[in-house]
Structure formats: structure tokens, C-alpha cells
Amino acid sequence: MHATHSPEGLNQMVYNRCIGTRTCSSYCPYKMRRFNFFDYRAPADSPTQAAHNPDVTVRSRGVMEKCTYCVQRIEAAHVTADKESRPLRDGEVVTACQQACPTKAIVFGDIKDPNSEVARLKRDGRHYVLLEELGTRPRTTYLARWRDDGSGSGQG
């Protein structure tokens, strides 16, 4: 299996279905992939089927799961921008985790745009990359939390 990436940098897989070897989970240094051992899908004739969000795909048992950073929301924003003949605006794509976070701790955007919020945060002195020494160049990076309580390192 070989990973490819979309223009937004999202990890895509060449095969549309995991063959079940769990190799990607075994070799992932972040341990972000999980094997779906359970079938969460409701039967097609279930009364709850109509209540499900059509933008969320519930995959069958036996596939590898990983966050897709709400690819449906990204594509919907692209469609809107294309219809209006303009590029995506900073902050226009809001993922589900970003929308649900009450502390606004999650930010997405174009790191190539020096004026974007995410690019500004990457220039912050608290910015760091998990397992940077492995050279994996992850798309998800972090800001250290600053504690000004005299505890020393400042990271919390």
C-alpha cells in the first residue's frame, strides 16, 4: 500500500479499502491509525438510518481508520469558492473538531500564506513538531502551553 497526498496535503490511500494487514498502524510512529473491529453501520431499513449525517461515511468492519480532517467540508468550501470564482479564504474551512472545540485550540489553514492564522501560529516561539527528529514532516503540529507559575519549563 502506498500513501499519496491531496493538494491540501491530506493523506490518501491508493486502495479504497484496507486489505486488513494493519501494517500502517504497526509502522505509524504516532499510532494514529486504528483498526475498525466493529460494524457501526445501521441496517439500511433501520429507522435511525435517515437520522445519520450524510456527510459522514460509516465504514464497515475491517478497515483502518484515521482522521481525514473533514475532507467533505474541505471539498464543500472548494465548491463554494469555485462557484464564486475566488480562492479559499483564511478560516473558511472549519473542521468538526475545530467547530466543537470551546477553547479554539485547533486551527487549520494555508501555511504557505504568510498572513494566515495558522502560518502566524507556526512562527510562534511555542510551536513544535512531534517526533521531528524522525523527519516525518507531519501536517499536525502543536503549540506548547505556557504556565507562568514559576514551575520552570513553561510547558504543560
C-alpha atoms as a PDB file:
ATOM      1  CA  MET A   1       0.000   0.000   0.000  1.00  0.00           C
ATOM      2  CA  HIS A   2       1.299   3.430  -0.844  1.00  0.00           C
ATOM      3  CA  ALA A   3       0.170   6.771   0.578  1.00  0.00           C
ATOM      4  CA  THR A   4      -0.485   9.671  -1.744  1.00  0.00           C
ATOM      5  CA  HIS A   5      -1.462  13.196  -0.776  1.00  0.00           C
ATOM      6  CA  SER A   6      -4.132  15.580  -1.988  1.00  0.00           C
ATOM      7  CA  PRO A   7      -3.330  19.180  -2.989  1.00  0.00           C
ATOM      8  CA  GLU A   8      -4.265  20.149   0.588  1.00  0.00           C
ATOM      9  CA  GLY A   9      -1.743  17.646   1.932  1.00  0.00           C
ATOM     10  CA  LEU A  10      -4.287  15.124   3.189  1.00  0.00           C
ATOM     11  CA  ASN A  11      -3.090  11.539   3.353  1.00  0.00           C
ATOM     12  CA  GLN A  12      -4.945   9.474   0.768  1.00  0.00           C
ATOM     13  CA  MET A  13      -4.600   5.796   0.089  1.00  0.00           C
ATOM     14  CA  VAL A  14      -4.194   4.269  -3.335  1.00  0.00           C
ATOM     15  CA  TYR A  15      -6.598   1.468  -2.448  1.00  0.00           C
ATOM     16  CA  ASN A  16     -10.115   2.439  -1.477  1.00  0.00           C
ATOM     17  CA  ARG A  17     -10.259  -0.318   1.146  1.00  0.00           C
ATOM     18  CA  CYS A  18      -7.731  -1.612   3.623  1.00  0.00           C
ATOM     19  CA  ILE A  19      -6.653  -5.181   2.953  1.00  0.00           C
ATOM     20  CA  GLY A  20      -6.537  -5.802   6.701  1.00  0.00           C
ATOM     21  CA  THR A  21      -2.813  -6.313   7.290  1.00  0.00           C
ATOM     22  CA  ARG A  22      -2.697  -3.440   9.824  1.00  0.00           C
ATOM     23  CA  THR A  23       0.841  -2.685   8.618  1.00  0.00           C
ATOM     24  CA  CYS A  24       0.228   1.076   8.506  1.00  0.00           C
ATOM     25  CA  SER A  25      -0.832   1.011  12.171  1.00  0.00           C
ATOM     26  CA  SER A  26       2.206  -1.024  13.156  1.00  0.00           C
ATOM     27  CA  TYR A  27       4.668   1.326  11.472  1.00  0.00           C
ATOM     28  CA  CYS A  28       2.986   4.669  12.277  1.00  0.00           C
ATOM     29  CA  PRO A  29       5.220   6.472  14.801  1.00  0.00           C
ATOM     30  CA  TYR A  30       2.213   8.473  16.068  1.00  0.00           C
ATOM     31  CA  LYS A  31      -0.119   5.473  16.488  1.00  0.00           C
ATOM     32  CA  MET A  32      -2.937   7.475  14.913  1.00  0.00           C
ATOM     33  CA  ARG A  33      -4.448   4.664  12.896  1.00  0.00           C
ATOM     34  CA  ARG A  34      -6.973   2.311  14.454  1.00  0.00           C
ATOM     35  CA  PHE A  35      -8.386  -0.887  13.027  1.00  0.00           C
ATOM     36  CA  ASN A  36     -12.198  -0.954  12.982  1.00  0.00           C
ATOM     37  CA  PHE A  37     -13.118  -4.245  14.648  1.00  0.00           C
ATOM     38  CA  PHE A  38     -16.813  -3.330  14.963  1.00  0.00           C
ATOM     39  CA  ASP A  39     -19.561  -2.780  12.410  1.00  0.00           C
ATOM     40  CA  TYR A  40     -21.147   0.538  13.420  1.00  0.00           C
ATOM     41  CA  ARG A  41     -23.426   0.740  10.398  1.00  0.00           C
ATOM     42  CA  ALA A  42     -27.158   0.532  10.973  1.00  0.00           C
ATOM     43  CA  PRO A  43     -29.084  -1.753   8.620  1.00  0.00           C
ATOM     44  CA  ALA A  44     -30.396   0.085   5.543  1.00  0.00           C
ATOM     45  CA  ASP A  45     -34.008  -0.439   6.689  1.00  0.00           C
ATOM     46  CA  SER A  46     -33.304   0.894  10.207  1.00  0.00           C
ATOM     47  CA  PRO A  47     -35.460   3.836  11.364  1.00  0.00           C
ATOM     48  CA  THR A  48     -32.284   5.591  12.551  1.00  0.00           C
ATOM     49  CA  GLN A  49     -30.662   5.442   9.097  1.00  0.00           C
ATOM     50  CA  ALA A  50     -32.369   8.666   7.977  1.00  0.00           C
ATOM     51  CA  ALA A  51     -31.109  10.494  11.076  1.00  0.00           C
ATOM     52  CA  HIS A  52     -27.438   9.994  10.211  1.00  0.00           C
ATOM     53  CA  ASN A  53     -25.363  12.832   8.841  1.00  0.00           C
ATOM     54  CA  PRO A  54     -24.981  12.181   5.093  1.00  0.00           C
ATOM     55  CA  ASP A  55     -21.555  13.891   5.128  1.00  0.00           C
ATOM     56  CA  VAL A  56     -20.152  11.223   7.450  1.00  0.00           C
ATOM     57  CA  THR A  57     -19.289   7.860   5.976  1.00  0.00           C
ATOM     58  CA  VAL A  58     -19.577   4.968   8.413  1.00  0.00           C
ATOM     59  CA  ARG A  59     -17.272   2.339   7.057  1.00  0.00           C
ATOM     60  CA  SER A  60     -17.775  -1.353   7.528  1.00  0.00           C
ATOM     61  CA  ARG A  61     -15.848  -3.581   9.879  1.00  0.00           C
ATOM     62  CA  GLY A  62     -12.329  -4.483   8.824  1.00  0.00           C
ATOM     63  CA  VAL A  63     -10.904  -1.171   7.621  1.00  0.00           C
ATOM     64  CA  MET A  64      -8.184   1.059   9.018  1.00  0.00           C
ATOM     65  CA  GLU A  65      -9.482   4.335  10.450  1.00  0.00           C
ATOM     66  CA  LYS A  66      -7.700   7.679  10.528  1.00  0.00           C
ATOM     67  CA  CYS A  67      -8.947  11.261  10.737  1.00  0.00           C
ATOM     68  CA  THR A  68      -9.421  12.740   7.257  1.00  0.00           C
ATOM     69  CA  TYR A  69      -9.607  16.330   8.536  1.00  0.00           C
ATOM     70  CA  CYS A  70     -13.194  16.533   7.296  1.00  0.00           C
ATOM     71  CA  VAL A  71     -12.491  16.116   3.607  1.00  0.00           C
ATOM     72  CA  GLN A  72     -16.217  16.700   2.920  1.00  0.00           C
ATOM     73  CA  ARG A  73     -16.054  20.156   4.500  1.00  0.00           C
ATOM     74  CA  ILE A  74     -12.865  20.997   2.594  1.00  0.00           C
ATOM     75  CA  GLU A  75     -14.477  19.997  -0.706  1.00  0.00           C
ATOM     76  CA  ALA A  76     -17.686  21.907   0.088  1.00  0.00           C
ATOM     77  CA  ALA A  77     -15.617  25.065   0.698  1.00  0.00           C
ATOM     78  CA  HIS A  78     -13.761  24.465  -2.597  1.00  0.00           C
ATOM     79  CA  VAL A  79     -17.068  24.160  -4.466  1.00  0.00           C
ATOM     80  CA  THR A  80     -18.348  27.414  -2.944  1.00  0.00           C
ATOM     81  CA  ALA A  81     -15.112  29.257  -3.773  1.00  0.00           C
ATOM     82  CA  ASP A  82     -15.112  27.856  -7.335  1.00  0.00           C
ATOM     83  CA  LYS A  83     -18.718  28.969  -7.879  1.00  0.00           C
ATOM     84  CA  GLU A  84     -17.727  32.461  -6.753  1.00  0.00           C
ATOM     85  CA  SER A  85     -14.527  32.378  -8.878  1.00  0.00           C
ATOM     86  CA  ARG A  86     -12.222  33.064  -5.947  1.00  0.00           C
ATOM     87  CA  PRO A  87      -9.619  31.245  -3.843  1.00  0.00           C
ATOM     88  CA  LEU A  88     -10.433  29.837  -0.416  1.00  0.00           C
ATOM     89  CA  ARG A  89     -10.407  32.464   2.331  1.00  0.00           C
ATOM     90  CA  ASP A  90      -8.470  32.043   5.556  1.00  0.00           C
ATOM     91  CA  GLY A  91     -10.739  30.406   8.124  1.00  0.00           C
ATOM     92  CA  GLU A  92     -13.349  29.369   5.564  1.00  0.00           C
ATOM     93  CA  VAL A  93     -12.821  25.645   6.144  1.00  0.00           C
ATOM     94  CA  VAL A  94     -13.874  24.663   9.650  1.00  0.00           C
ATOM     95  CA  THR A  95     -13.455  21.020  10.608  1.00  0.00           C
ATOM     96  CA  ALA A  96     -15.775  19.244  13.045  1.00  0.00           C
ATOM     97  CA  CYS A  97     -13.164  19.098  15.813  1.00  0.00           C
ATOM     98  CA  GLN A  98     -12.367  22.777  15.302  1.00  0.00           C
ATOM     99  CA  GLN A  99     -16.053  23.689  15.405  1.00  0.00           C
ATOM    100  CA  ALA A 100     -16.638  21.651  18.566  1.00  0.00           C
ATOM    101  CA  CYS A 101     -13.568  22.908  20.489  1.00  0.00           C
ATOM    102  CA  PRO A 102     -14.678  25.531  23.040  1.00  0.00           C
ATOM    103  CA  THR A 103     -11.106  26.760  23.606  1.00  0.00           C
ATOM    104  CA  LYS A 104     -10.328  27.373  19.910  1.00  0.00           C
ATOM    105  CA  ALA A 105      -7.253  25.161  20.333  1.00  0.00           C
ATOM    106  CA  ILE A 106      -7.451  23.779  16.784  1.00  0.00           C
ATOM    107  CA  VAL A 107      -6.592  25.937  13.767  1.00  0.00           C
ATOM    108  CA  PHE A 108      -6.481  24.943  10.101  1.00  0.00           C
ATOM    109  CA  GLY A 109      -5.349  26.959   7.136  1.00  0.00           C
ATOM    110  CA  ASP A 110      -2.838  27.555   4.378  1.00  0.00           C
ATOM    111  CA  ILE A 111       0.686  27.524   5.843  1.00  0.00           C
ATOM    112  CA  LYS A 112       2.013  28.898   2.543  1.00  0.00           C
ATOM    113  CA  ASP A 113       0.040  32.115   3.067  1.00  0.00           C
ATOM    114  CA  PRO A 114       2.196  34.172   5.483  1.00  0.00           C
ATOM    115  CA  ASN A 115      -0.851  36.201   6.556  1.00  0.00           C
ATOM    116  CA  SER A 116      -2.993  33.203   7.554  1.00  0.00           C
ATOM    117  CA  GLU A 117      -3.727  32.451  11.183  1.00  0.00           C
ATOM    118  CA  VAL A 118      -2.096  29.022  11.016  1.00  0.00           C
ATOM    119  CA  ALA A 119       1.103  30.448   9.477  1.00  0.00           C
ATOM    120  CA  ARG A 120       1.231  33.106  12.210  1.00  0.00           C
ATOM    121  CA  LEU A 121       0.918  30.404  14.887  1.00  0.00           C
ATOM    122  CA  LYS A 122       3.684  28.322  13.272  1.00  0.00           C
ATOM    123  CA  ARG A 123       6.000  31.324  13.684  1.00  0.00           C
ATOM    124  CA  ASP A 124       5.162  31.494  17.406  1.00  0.00           C
ATOM    125  CA  GLY A 125       8.070  30.521  19.671  1.00  0.00           C
ATOM    126  CA  ARG A 126       5.915  27.866  21.333  1.00  0.00           C
ATOM    127  CA  HIS A 127       5.450  25.921  18.067  1.00  0.00           C
ATOM    128  CA  TYR A 128       6.854  22.389  17.978  1.00  0.00           C
ATOM    129  CA  VAL A 129       6.634  19.234  15.886  1.00  0.00           C
ATOM    130  CA  LEU A 130       6.032  15.826  17.433  1.00  0.00           C
ATOM    131  CA  LEU A 131       8.864  13.361  16.675  1.00  0.00           C
ATOM    132  CA  GLU A 132      10.581  15.939  14.470  1.00  0.00           C
ATOM    133  CA  GLU A 133      13.839  14.001  14.690  1.00  0.00           C
ATOM    134  CA  LEU A 134      12.259  11.183  12.645  1.00  0.00           C
ATOM    135  CA  GLY A 135      11.787  13.515   9.689  1.00  0.00           C
ATOM    136  CA  THR A 136       8.150  12.547   9.165  1.00  0.00           C
ATOM    137  CA  ARG A 137       7.079  16.158   8.477  1.00  0.00           C
ATOM    138  CA  PRO A 138       3.562  15.818   9.948  1.00  0.00           C
ATOM    139  CA  ARG A 139       0.739  18.129   8.971  1.00  0.00           C
ATOM    140  CA  THR A 140      -0.439  18.394  12.582  1.00  0.00           C
ATOM    141  CA  THR A 141       1.861  20.443  14.806  1.00  0.00           C
ATOM    142  CA  TYR A 142       1.433  21.955  18.250  1.00  0.00           C
ATOM    143  CA  LEU A 143       1.948  24.993  20.459  1.00  0.00           C
ATOM    144  CA  ALA A 144       3.344  24.421  23.927  1.00  0.00           C
ATOM    145  CA  ARG A 145       1.087  25.626  26.710  1.00  0.00           C
ATOM    146  CA  TRP A 146       2.711  28.367  28.735  1.00  0.00           C
ATOM    147  CA  ARG A 147       2.393  28.323  32.518  1.00  0.00           C
ATOM    148  CA  ASP A 148       3.685  31.392  34.287  1.00  0.00           C
ATOM    149  CA  ASP A 149       3.662  29.852  37.753  1.00  0.00           C
ATOM    150  CA  GLY A 150       7.421  29.578  38.226  1.00  0.00           C
ATOM    151  CA  SER A 151       7.426  25.839  37.540  1.00  0.00           C
ATOM    152  CA  GLY A 152      10.409  26.040  35.217  1.00  0.00           C
ATOM    153  CA  SER A 153       9.992  24.816  31.677  1.00  0.00           C
ATOM    154  CA  GLY A 154       6.802  26.660  30.868  1.00  0.00           C
ATOM    155  CA  GLN A 155       5.383  23.650  29.034  1.00  0.00           C
ATOM    156  CA  GLY A 156       2.331  21.996  30.463  1.00  0.00           C
END
